[in-house]
Amino acid sequence: MDAIVIEHMKVSERPEDWRTRLHAAAGKRVTVRIEEEAELRKAAQENAENPLFGMWQDREETTDVEAYIHKLRAPRF
């Protein structure tokens, strides 16, 4: 896998939208990693080939995921 890793970059030297997403002070330093997305698609394809991937897709109780999660978490609160 080919990737570019740039370490110790000042947040203030990054584009404005990056600074907003990072929520970091201007004086802080970050590491930026740039890699080809094809590797991510390959990983997603490998996951899709796993027999457990999507095993709950046909269950009626999970058609509305937000409601299902809310019901699961309700006893905790």
PDB file of N, CA and C in Angstrom:
ATOM      1  N   MET A   1       0.848  -1.166   0.000  1.00  0.00           N
ATOM      2  CA  MET A   1       0.000   0.000   0.000  1.00  0.00           C
ATOM      3  C   MET A   1       0.895   1.229   0.000  1.00  0.00           C
ATOM      4  N   ASP A   2       0.640   2.127  -0.925  1.00  0.00           N
ATOM      5  CA  ASP A   2       1.378   3.378  -0.990  1.00  0.00           C
ATOM      6  C   ASP A   2       0.623   4.437  -0.209  1.00  0.00           C
ATOM      7  N   ALA A   3       1.335   5.150   0.621  1.00  0.00           N
ATOM      8  CA  ALA A   3       0.723   6.210   1.414  1.00  0.00           C
ATOM      9  C   ALA A   3       1.755   7.299   1.651  1.00  0.00           C
ATOM     10  N   ILE A   4       1.253   8.499   1.831  1.00  0.00           N
ATOM     11  CA  ILE A   4       2.092   9.625   2.201  1.00  0.00           C
ATOM     12  C   ILE A   4       1.721   9.985   3.629  1.00  0.00           C
ATOM     13  N   VAL A   5       2.707  10.035   4.493  1.00  0.00           N
ATOM     14  CA  VAL A   5       2.476  10.414   5.877  1.00  0.00           C
ATOM     15  C   VAL A   5       3.291  11.666   6.158  1.00  0.00           C
ATOM     16  N   ILE A   6       2.603  12.726   6.556  1.00  0.00           N
ATOM     17  CA  ILE A   6       3.264  13.989   6.870  1.00  0.00           C
ATOM     18  C   ILE A   6       3.070  14.215   8.364  1.00  0.00           C
ATOM     19  N   GLU A   7       4.167  14.187   9.097  1.00  0.00           N
ATOM     20  CA  GLU A   7       4.094  14.300  10.546  1.00  0.00           C
ATOM     21  C   GLU A   7       4.423  15.716  11.010  1.00  0.00           C
ATOM     22  N   HIS A   8       3.896  16.054  12.166  1.00  0.00           N
ATOM     23  CA  HIS A   8       4.216  17.295  12.869  1.00  0.00           C
ATOM     24  C   HIS A   8       3.827  18.554  12.094  1.00  0.00           C
ATOM     25  N   MET A   9       2.685  18.507  11.410  1.00  0.00           N
ATOM     26  CA  MET A   9       2.209  19.691  10.696  1.00  0.00           C
ATOM     27  C   MET A   9       1.424  20.579  11.652  1.00  0.00           C
ATOM     28  N   LYS A  10       1.658  21.861  11.581  1.00  0.00           N
ATOM     29  CA  LYS A  10       0.900  22.787  12.403  1.00  0.00           C
ATOM     30  C   LYS A  10      -0.539  22.842  11.912  1.00  0.00           C
ATOM     31  N   VAL A  11      -1.466  22.824  12.845  1.00  0.00           N
ATOM     32  CA  VAL A  11      -2.882  22.910  12.487  1.00  0.00           C
ATOM     33  C   VAL A  11      -3.145  24.208  11.740  1.00  0.00           C
ATOM     34  N   SER A  12      -2.474  25.270  12.123  1.00  0.00           N
ATOM     35  CA  SER A  12      -2.674  26.570  11.479  1.00  0.00           C
ATOM     36  C   SER A  12      -2.253  26.562  10.015  1.00  0.00           C
ATOM     37  N   GLU A  13      -1.464  25.571   9.599  1.00  0.00           N
ATOM     38  CA  GLU A  13      -1.018  25.478   8.208  1.00  0.00           C
ATOM     39  C   GLU A  13      -1.954  24.645   7.349  1.00  0.00           C
ATOM     40  N   ARG A  14      -2.983  24.097   7.921  1.00  0.00           N
ATOM     41  CA  ARG A  14      -3.947  23.268   7.199  1.00  0.00           C
ATOM     42  C   ARG A  14      -5.095  24.128   6.689  1.00  0.00           C
ATOM     43  N   PRO A  15      -5.824  23.639   5.681  1.00  0.00           N
ATOM     44  CA  PRO A  15      -6.975  24.383   5.174  1.00  0.00           C
ATOM     45  C   PRO A  15      -8.017  24.628   6.268  1.00  0.00           C
ATOM     46  N   GLU A  16      -8.804  25.662   6.106  1.00  0.00           N
ATOM     47  CA  GLU A  16      -9.791  26.067   7.109  1.00  0.00           C
ATOM     48  C   GLU A  16     -10.743  24.935   7.476  1.00  0.00           C
ATOM     49  N   ASP A  17     -11.251  24.177   6.487  1.00  0.00           N
ATOM     50  CA  ASP A  17     -12.199  23.107   6.812  1.00  0.00           C
ATOM     51  C   ASP A  17     -11.531  21.999   7.616  1.00  0.00           C
ATOM     52  N   TRP A  18     -10.254  21.766   7.426  1.00  0.00           N
ATOM     53  CA  TRP A  18      -9.538  20.783   8.237  1.00  0.00           C
ATOM     54  C   TRP A  18      -9.437  21.270   9.673  1.00  0.00           C
ATOM     55  N   ARG A  19      -9.099  22.549   9.831  1.00  0.00           N
ATOM     56  CA  ARG A  19      -8.967  23.108  11.187  1.00  0.00           C
ATOM     57  C   ARG A  19     -10.285  23.007  11.932  1.00  0.00           C
ATOM     58  N   THR A  20     -11.386  23.243  11.230  1.00  0.00           N
ATOM     59  CA  THR A  20     -12.698  23.159  11.854  1.00  0.00           C
ATOM     60  C   THR A  20     -12.992  21.731  12.298  1.00  0.00           C
ATOM     61  N   ARG A  21     -12.677  20.768  11.468  1.00  0.00           N
ATOM     62  CA  ARG A  21     -12.929  19.359  11.807  1.00  0.00           C
ATOM     63  C   ARG A  21     -12.049  18.862  12.941  1.00  0.00           C
ATOM     64  N   LEU A  22     -10.832  19.346  13.007  1.00  0.00           N
ATOM     65  CA  LEU A  22      -9.896  18.865  14.021  1.00  0.00           C
ATOM     66  C   LEU A  22     -10.194  19.415  15.402  1.00  0.00           C
ATOM     67  N   HIS A  23     -10.834  20.557  15.493  1.00  0.00           N
ATOM     68  CA  HIS A  23     -11.130  21.191  16.784  1.00  0.00           C
ATOM     69  C   HIS A  23      -9.857  21.317  17.622  1.00  0.00           C
ATOM     70  N   ALA A  24      -8.760  21.622  16.969  1.00  0.00           N
ATOM     71  CA  ALA A  24      -7.479  21.722  17.676  1.00  0.00           C
ATOM     72  C   ALA A  24      -6.998  23.168  17.671  1.00  0.00           C
ATOM     73  N   ALA A  25      -6.250  23.508  18.689  1.00  0.00           N
ATOM     74  CA  ALA A  25      -5.692  24.848  18.778  1.00  0.00           C
ATOM     75  C   ALA A  25      -4.689  25.069  17.652  1.00  0.00           C
ATOM     76  N   ALA A  26      -4.572  26.304  17.229  1.00  0.00           N
ATOM     77  CA  ALA A  26      -3.717  26.632  16.087  1.00  0.00           C
ATOM     78  C   ALA A  26      -2.268  26.206  16.287  1.00  0.00           C
ATOM     79  N   GLY A  27      -1.763  26.214  17.519  1.00  0.00           N
ATOM     80  CA  GLY A  27      -0.377  25.865  17.780  1.00  0.00           C
ATOM     81  C   GLY A  27      -0.098  24.371  17.826  1.00  0.00           C
ATOM     82  N   LYS A  28      -1.144  23.551  17.844  1.00  0.00           N
ATOM     83  CA  LYS A  28      -0.961  22.092  17.934  1.00  0.00           C
ATOM     84  C   LYS A  28      -0.434  21.549  16.608  1.00  0.00           C
ATOM     85  N   ARG A  29       0.138  20.361  16.688  1.00  0.00           N
ATOM     86  CA  ARG A  29       0.658  19.696  15.484  1.00  0.00           C
ATOM     87  C   ARG A  29      -0.102  18.390  15.260  1.00  0.00           C
ATOM     88  N   VAL A  30      -0.242  18.002  14.005  1.00  0.00           N
ATOM     89  CA  VAL A  30      -0.982  16.797  13.649  1.00  0.00           C
ATOM     90  C   VAL A  30      -0.174  15.972  12.650  1.00  0.00           C
ATOM     91  N   THR A  31      -0.617  14.740  12.459  1.00  0.00           N
ATOM     92  CA  THR A  31      -0.059  13.872  11.429  1.00  0.00           C
ATOM     93  C   THR A  31      -1.125  13.666  10.369  1.00  0.00           C
ATOM     94  N   VAL A  32      -0.749  13.849   9.119  1.00  0.00           N
ATOM     95  CA  VAL A  32      -1.670  13.696   7.996  1.00  0.00           C
ATOM     96  C   VAL A  32      -1.260  12.464   7.214  1.00  0.00           C
ATOM     97  N   ARG A  33      -2.215  11.589   6.947  1.00  0.00           N
ATOM     98  CA  ARG A  33      -1.955  10.372   6.174  1.00  0.00           C
ATOM     99  C   ARG A  33      -2.831  10.402   4.928  1.00  0.00           C
ATOM    100  N   ILE A  34      -2.216  10.249   3.782  1.00  0.00           N
ATOM    101  CA  ILE A  34      -2.933  10.268   2.512  1.00  0.00           C
ATOM    102  C   ILE A  34      -2.693   8.923   1.833  1.00  0.00           C
ATOM    103  N   GLU A  35      -3.791   8.236   1.504  1.00  0.00           N
ATOM    104  CA  GLU A  35      -3.650   6.955   0.824  1.00  0.00           C
ATOM    105  C   GLU A  35      -4.754   6.797  -0.208  1.00  0.00           C
ATOM    106  N   GLU A  36      -4.519   5.950  -1.152  1.00  0.00           N
ATOM    107  CA  GLU A  36      -5.468   5.719  -2.220  1.00  0.00           C
ATOM    108  C   GLU A  36      -6.706   5.004  -1.688  1.00  0.00           C
ATOM    109  N   GLU A  37      -7.880   5.460  -2.072  1.00  0.00           N
ATOM    110  CA  GLU A  37      -9.121   4.881  -1.578  1.00  0.00           C
ATOM    111  C   GLU A  37      -9.393   3.489  -2.116  1.00  0.00           C
ATOM    112  N   ALA A  38      -8.713   3.085  -3.147  1.00  0.00           N
ATOM    113  CA  ALA A  38      -8.916   1.741  -3.681  1.00  0.00           C
ATOM    114  C   ALA A  38      -8.651   0.699  -2.608  1.00  0.00           C
ATOM    115  N   GLU A  39      -7.707   0.961  -1.727  1.00  0.00           N
ATOM    116  CA  GLU A  39      -7.421   0.037  -0.631  1.00  0.00           C
ATOM    117  C   GLU A  39      -8.626  -0.076   0.295  1.00  0.00           C
ATOM    118  N   LEU A  40      -9.310   1.031   0.518  1.00  0.00           N
ATOM    119  CA  LEU A  40     -10.491   1.003   1.368  1.00  0.00           C
ATOM    120  C   LEU A  40     -11.608   0.208   0.708  1.00  0.00           C
ATOM    121  N   ARG A  41     -11.761   0.367  -0.609  1.00  0.00           N
ATOM    122  CA  ARG A  41     -12.780  -0.416  -1.327  1.00  0.00           C
ATOM    123  C   ARG A  41     -12.454  -1.900  -1.275  1.00  0.00           C
ATOM    124  N   LYS A  42     -11.179  -2.238  -1.357  1.00  0.00           N
ATOM    125  CA  LYS A  42     -10.762  -3.633  -1.279  1.00  0.00           C
ATOM    126  C   LYS A  42     -11.127  -4.211   0.089  1.00  0.00           C
ATOM    127  N   ALA A  43     -10.874  -3.442   1.150  1.00  0.00           N
ATOM    128  CA  ALA A  43     -11.220  -3.899   2.496  1.00  0.00           C
ATOM    129  C   ALA A  43     -12.728  -4.073   2.627  1.00  0.00           C
ATOM    130  N   ALA A  44     -13.497  -3.156   2.063  1.00  0.00           N
ATOM    131  CA  ALA A  44     -14.959  -3.263   2.124  1.00  0.00           C
ATOM    132  C   ALA A  44     -15.426  -4.509   1.378  1.00  0.00           C
ATOM    133  N   GLN A  45     -14.814  -4.813   0.250  1.00  0.00           N
ATOM    134  CA  GLN A  45     -15.172  -5.999  -0.514  1.00  0.00           C
ATOM    135  C   GLN A  45     -14.852  -7.263   0.284  1.00  0.00           C
ATOM    136  N   GLU A  46     -13.704  -7.265   0.962  1.00  0.00           N
ATOM    137  CA  GLU A  46     -13.342  -8.419   1.783  1.00  0.00           C
ATOM    138  C   GLU A  46     -14.349  -8.609   2.906  1.00  0.00           C
ATOM    139  N   ASN A  47     -14.807  -7.508   3.502  1.00  0.00           N
ATOM    140  CA  ASN A  47     -15.815  -7.604   4.553  1.00  0.00           C
ATOM    141  C   ASN A  47     -17.123  -8.150   3.995  1.00  0.00           C
ATOM    142  N   ALA A  48     -17.494  -7.728   2.796  1.00  0.00           N
ATOM    143  CA  ALA A  48     -18.745  -8.170   2.188  1.00  0.00           C
ATOM    144  C   ALA A  48     -18.717  -9.671   1.889  1.00  0.00           C
ATOM    145  N   GLU A  49     -17.540 -10.204   1.673  1.00  0.00           N
ATOM    146  CA  GLU A  49     -17.419 -11.635   1.396  1.00  0.00           C
ATOM    147  C   GLU A  49     -17.496 -12.475   2.663  1.00  0.00           C
ATOM    148  N   ASN A  50     -17.390 -11.850   3.816  1.00  0.00           N
ATOM    149  CA  ASN A  50     -17.480 -12.555   5.083  1.00  0.00           C
ATOM    150  C   ASN A  50     -18.921 -13.038   5.262  1.00  0.00           C
ATOM    151  N   PRO A  51     -19.136 -14.300   5.580  1.00  0.00           N
ATOM    152  CA  PRO A  51     -20.501 -14.823   5.710  1.00  0.00           C
ATOM    153  C   PRO A  51     -21.322 -14.151   6.802  1.00  0.00           C
ATOM    154  N   LEU A  52     -20.680 -13.505   7.763  1.00  0.00           N
ATOM    155  CA  LEU A  52     -21.411 -12.819   8.830  1.00  0.00           C
ATOM    156  C   LEU A  52     -21.857 -11.421   8.428  1.00  0.00           C
ATOM    157  N   PHE A  53     -21.273 -10.871   7.356  1.00  0.00           N
ATOM    158  CA  PHE A  53     -21.620  -9.532   6.912  1.00  0.00           C
ATOM    159  C   PHE A  53     -23.075  -9.494   6.446  1.00  0.00           C
ATOM    160  N   GLY A  54     -23.867  -8.614   7.019  1.00  0.00           N
ATOM    161  CA  GLY A  54     -25.262  -8.465   6.629  1.00  0.00           C
ATOM    162  C   GLY A  54     -26.195  -9.486   7.230  1.00  0.00           C
ATOM    163  N   MET A  55     -25.754 -10.206   8.253  1.00  0.00           N
ATOM    164  CA  MET A  55     -26.574 -11.288   8.788  1.00  0.00           C
ATOM    165  C   MET A  55     -27.883 -10.800   9.408  1.00  0.00           C
ATOM    166  N   TRP A  56     -27.977  -9.496   9.735  1.00  0.00           N
ATOM    167  CA  TRP A  56     -29.202  -8.964  10.328  1.00  0.00           C
ATOM    168  C   TRP A  56     -30.020  -8.159   9.317  1.00  0.00           C
ATOM    169  N   GLN A  57     -29.650  -8.144   8.072  1.00  0.00           N
ATOM    170  CA  GLN A  57     -30.300  -7.271   7.109  1.00  0.00           C
ATOM    171  C   GLN A  57     -31.777  -7.585   6.876  1.00  0.00           C
ATOM    172  N   ASP A  58     -32.206  -8.797   7.082  1.00  0.00           N
ATOM    173  CA  ASP A  58     -33.595  -9.168   6.835  1.00  0.00           C
ATOM    174  C   ASP A  58     -34.451  -9.210   8.097  1.00  0.00           C
ATOM    175  N   ARG A  59     -33.908  -8.802   9.210  1.00  0.00           N
ATOM    176  CA  ARG A  59     -34.673  -8.839  10.460  1.00  0.00           C
ATOM    177  C   ARG A  59     -35.601  -7.634  10.530  1.00  0.00           C
ATOM    178  N   GLU A  60     -36.871  -7.894  10.848  1.00  0.00           N
ATOM    179  CA  GLU A  60     -37.868  -6.830  10.876  1.00  0.00           C
ATOM    180  C   GLU A  60     -37.565  -5.769  11.925  1.00  0.00           C
ATOM    181  N   GLU A  61     -37.046  -6.160  13.088  1.00  0.00           N
ATOM    182  CA  GLU A  61     -36.815  -5.191  14.148  1.00  0.00           C
ATOM    183  C   GLU A  61     -35.705  -4.192  13.833  1.00  0.00           C
ATOM    184  N   THR A  62     -34.901  -4.472  12.813  1.00  0.00           N
ATOM    185  CA  THR A  62     -33.814  -3.558  12.483  1.00  0.00           C
ATOM    186  C   THR A  62     -34.093  -2.717  11.240  1.00  0.00           C
ATOM    187  N   THR A  63     -35.315  -2.719  10.748  1.00  0.00           N
ATOM    188  CA  THR A  63     -35.618  -1.881   9.586  1.00  0.00           C
ATOM    189  C   THR A  63     -35.488  -0.399   9.940  1.00  0.00           C
ATOM    190  N   ASP A  64     -35.883  -0.020  11.156  1.00  0.00           N
ATOM    191  CA  ASP A  64     -35.669   1.343  11.653  1.00  0.00           C
ATOM    192  C   ASP A  64     -34.555   1.255  12.694  1.00  0.00           C
ATOM    193  N   VAL A  65     -33.340   1.481  12.255  1.00  0.00           N
ATOM    194  CA  VAL A  65     -32.169   1.281  13.108  1.00  0.00           C
ATOM    195  C   VAL A  65     -32.204   2.204  14.325  1.00  0.00           C
ATOM    196  N   GLU A  66     -32.558   3.473  14.129  1.00  0.00           N
ATOM    197  CA  GLU A  66     -32.575   4.418  15.247  1.00  0.00           C
ATOM    198  C   GLU A  66     -33.553   3.980  16.336  1.00  0.00           C
ATOM    199  N   ALA A  67     -34.734   3.536  15.938  1.00  0.00           N
ATOM    200  CA  ALA A  67     -35.724   3.081  16.919  1.00  0.00           C
ATOM    201  C   ALA A  67     -35.239   1.823  17.624  1.00  0.00           C
ATOM    202  N   TYR A  68     -34.603   0.941  16.891  1.00  0.00           N
ATOM    203  CA  TYR A  68     -34.089  -0.296  17.476  1.00  0.00           C
ATOM    204  C   TYR A  68     -33.019   0.000  18.529  1.00  0.00           C
ATOM    205  N   ILE A  69     -32.085   0.883  18.192  1.00  0.00           N
ATOM    206  CA  ILE A  69     -31.017   1.248  19.128  1.00  0.00           C
ATOM    207  C   ILE A  69     -31.600   1.966  20.343  1.00  0.00           C
ATOM    208  N   HIS A  70     -32.574   2.850  20.109  1.00  0.00           N
ATOM    209  CA  HIS A  70     -33.214   3.562  21.225  1.00  0.00           C
ATOM    210  C   HIS A  70     -33.869   2.563  22.188  1.00  0.00           C
ATOM    211  N   LYS A  71     -34.526   1.560  21.629  1.00  0.00           N
ATOM    212  CA  LYS A  71     -35.185   0.530  22.455  1.00  0.00           C
ATOM    213  C   LYS A  71     -34.138  -0.264  23.246  1.00  0.00           C
ATOM    214  N   LEU A  72     -33.003  -0.575  22.608  1.00  0.00           N
ATOM    215  CA  LEU A  72     -31.946  -1.314  23.301  1.00  0.00           C
ATOM    216  C   LEU A  72     -31.357  -0.515  24.454  1.00  0.00           C
ATOM    217  N   ARG A  73     -31.186   0.785  24.240  1.00  0.00           N
ATOM    218  CA  ARG A  73     -30.528   1.619  25.232  1.00  0.00           C
ATOM    219  C   ARG A  73     -31.484   2.154  26.300  1.00  0.00           C
ATOM    220  N   ALA A  74     -32.761   2.102  26.072  1.00  0.00           N
ATOM    221  CA  ALA A  74     -33.743   2.676  26.993  1.00  0.00           C
ATOM    222  C   ALA A  74     -33.584   2.198  28.433  1.00  0.00           C
ATOM    223  N   PRO A  75     -33.361   0.913  28.700  1.00  0.00           N
ATOM    224  CA  PRO A  75     -33.236   0.468  30.102  1.00  0.00           C
ATOM    225  C   PRO A  75     -32.037   1.095  30.834  1.00  0.00           C
ATOM    226  N   ARG A  76     -31.049   1.576  30.113  1.00  0.00           N
ATOM    227  CA  ARG A  76     -29.862   2.152  30.750  1.00  0.00           C
ATOM    228  C   ARG A  76     -30.125   3.543  31.310  1.00  0.00           C
ATOM    229  N   PHE A  77     -31.159   4.212  30.791  1.00  0.00           N
ATOM    230  CA  PHE A  77     -31.356   5.614  31.182  1.00  0.00           C
ATOM    231  C   PHE A  77     -32.560   5.772  32.042  1.00  0.00           C
TER     232      PHE A  77
END
